[in-house]
Amino acid sequence: MKKNYIQVFFLLLIKKSQKTATFYQAVSSNITEMKTDEFITRILPLKDNLLRVAYRITGNAERSEQIVQDVMLKVWGERAAWIVIEDIPSYCLMVTRNMALDTINLQRKRTECFTVR
């Protein structure tokens, strides 16, 4: 069975950052952070929906996968703030939408610079 590249990427990322996660846990004893298994159960199942949203905005499969990977990295990097966020799926969709729109705007600016009139 072929694993999805995004899942493999994030499993490797999680393994590498376990030392960092334990460091954060030791430093901030009164703040509970997102654990790796919580990330896998709550965030990774959203990747298909995030990919659909990104693809709908960008129209490019490769760019959409890159956006979803960036969103997952951002979510993992901000795991200490999850106790403040009320609705995690909505937050992930919002971040995906914003990153996709930023990507489209950046692409438009790049093509405008090279367009001969």
Protein backbone atom coordinates (compact mmCIF):
# COMPACT_ATOMS: atom_id res chain seq x y z
CA MET A 1 0.00 0.00 0.00
CA LYS A 2 1.44 3.34 -1.02
CA LYS A 3 1.52 5.96 1.73
CA ASN A 4 0.58 9.52 1.08
CA TYR A 5 3.64 11.79 0.81
CA ILE A 6 2.14 14.31 3.21
CA GLN A 7 1.62 11.69 5.92
CA VAL A 8 5.18 10.38 5.53
CA PHE A 9 6.55 13.93 5.60
CA PHE A 10 4.75 14.79 8.81
CA LEU A 11 5.58 11.54 10.51
CA LEU A 12 9.25 12.31 9.86
CA LEU A 13 8.74 15.87 11.05
CA ILE A 14 7.08 14.65 14.23
CA LYS A 15 9.91 12.21 14.93
CA LYS A 16 12.51 14.97 14.48
CA SER A 17 10.66 17.44 16.66
CA GLN A 18 9.90 15.16 19.59
CA LYS A 19 12.95 16.51 21.39
CA THR A 20 11.72 20.05 20.77
CA ALA A 21 8.23 19.14 21.99
CA THR A 22 9.59 17.73 25.24
CA PHE A 23 11.71 20.85 25.67
CA TYR A 24 8.64 23.08 25.26
CA GLN A 25 6.71 20.89 27.67
CA ALA A 26 9.44 21.23 30.28
CA VAL A 27 9.68 25.00 29.83
CA SER A 28 5.97 25.76 29.89
CA SER A 29 4.64 23.53 32.63
CA ASN A 30 1.39 25.44 33.07
CA ILE A 31 0.53 25.41 29.33
CA THR A 32 -0.49 22.09 27.84
CA GLU A 33 0.72 21.66 24.28
CA MET A 34 -0.52 19.55 21.45
CA LYS A 35 0.98 16.10 21.54
CA THR A 36 2.03 14.26 18.42
CA ASP A 37 -0.79 11.73 18.67
CA GLU A 38 -3.29 14.56 19.10
CA PHE A 39 -1.87 16.19 15.96
CA ILE A 40 -2.24 12.92 14.06
CA THR A 41 -5.84 12.39 15.20
CA ARG A 42 -7.11 15.98 14.93
CA ILE A 43 -5.12 17.70 12.18
CA LEU A 44 -3.93 15.08 9.68
CA PRO A 45 -7.48 13.93 8.82
CA LEU A 46 -8.17 17.51 7.65
CA LYS A 47 -5.51 17.33 4.93
CA ASP A 48 -7.94 16.16 2.23
CA ASN A 49 -10.32 19.04 2.90
CA LEU A 50 -7.43 21.48 3.02
CA LEU A 51 -6.13 20.12 -0.27
CA ARG A 52 -9.55 20.60 -1.88
CA VAL A 53 -9.75 24.20 -0.69
CA ALA A 54 -6.23 25.00 -1.88
CA TYR A 55 -6.81 23.33 -5.25
CA ARG A 56 -10.10 25.16 -5.72
CA ILE A 57 -8.32 28.49 -5.20
CA THR A 58 -5.06 27.82 -7.04
CA GLY A 59 -6.12 25.35 -9.74
CA ASN A 60 -2.72 23.65 -9.48
CA ALA A 61 -2.26 20.27 -7.76
CA GLU A 62 1.44 20.67 -6.97
CA ARG A 63 1.01 24.16 -5.58
CA SER A 64 -1.96 22.96 -3.51
CA GLU A 65 0.06 20.14 -1.97
CA GLN A 66 2.84 22.60 -1.11
CA ILE A 67 0.31 24.92 0.53
CA VAL A 68 -1.13 22.08 2.61
CA GLN A 69 2.38 21.07 3.71
CA ASP A 70 3.10 24.67 4.70
CA VAL A 71 -0.17 24.83 6.64
CA MET A 72 0.66 21.62 8.49
CA LEU A 73 4.12 22.95 9.36
CA LYS A 74 2.61 26.19 10.61
CA VAL A 75 0.02 24.33 12.68
CA TRP A 76 2.69 22.09 14.18
CA GLY A 77 4.90 25.08 14.94
CA GLU A 78 2.09 26.87 16.76
CA ARG A 79 0.93 23.89 18.83
CA ALA A 80 1.30 25.81 22.08
CA ALA A 81 -1.47 28.19 21.00
CA TRP A 82 -4.08 25.47 20.48
CA ILE A 83 -5.61 26.00 23.91
CA VAL A 84 -6.67 29.49 22.79
CA ILE A 85 -8.18 28.44 19.44
CA GLU A 86 -11.78 27.29 19.77
CA ASP A 87 -12.37 25.59 16.41
CA ILE A 88 -9.24 23.94 15.03
CA PRO A 89 -10.69 22.77 11.67
CA SER A 90 -11.95 26.27 10.90
CA TYR A 91 -8.58 27.73 11.81
CA CYS A 92 -6.79 25.29 9.50
CA LEU A 93 -9.19 26.10 6.65
CA MET A 94 -8.67 29.82 7.22
CA VAL A 95 -4.88 29.46 7.14
CA THR A 96 -5.11 27.34 3.98
CA ARG A 97 -7.34 29.89 2.29
CA ASN A 98 -5.05 32.76 3.20
CA MET A 99 -1.91 30.95 2.05
CA ALA A 100 -3.57 29.98 -1.24
CA LEU A 101 -4.72 33.54 -1.87
CA ASP A 102 -1.25 34.86 -1.02
CA THR A 103 0.26 32.38 -3.47
CA ILE A 104 -2.13 33.45 -6.22
CA ASN A 105 -1.47 37.14 -5.59
CA LEU A 106 2.29 36.56 -5.62
CA GLN A 107 2.02 34.61 -8.88
CA ARG A 108 -0.02 37.41 -10.45
CA LYS A 109 2.55 40.01 -9.41
CA ARG A 110 5.36 37.93 -10.89
CA THR A 111 3.58 37.49 -14.21
CA GLU A 112 2.63 41.18 -14.36
CA CYS A 113 6.29 42.16 -14.09
CA PHE A 114 7.23 40.05 -17.13
CA THR A 115 4.25 40.85 -19.34
CA VAL A 116 5.15 42.97 -22.35
CA ARG A 117 2.50 45.49 -23.31
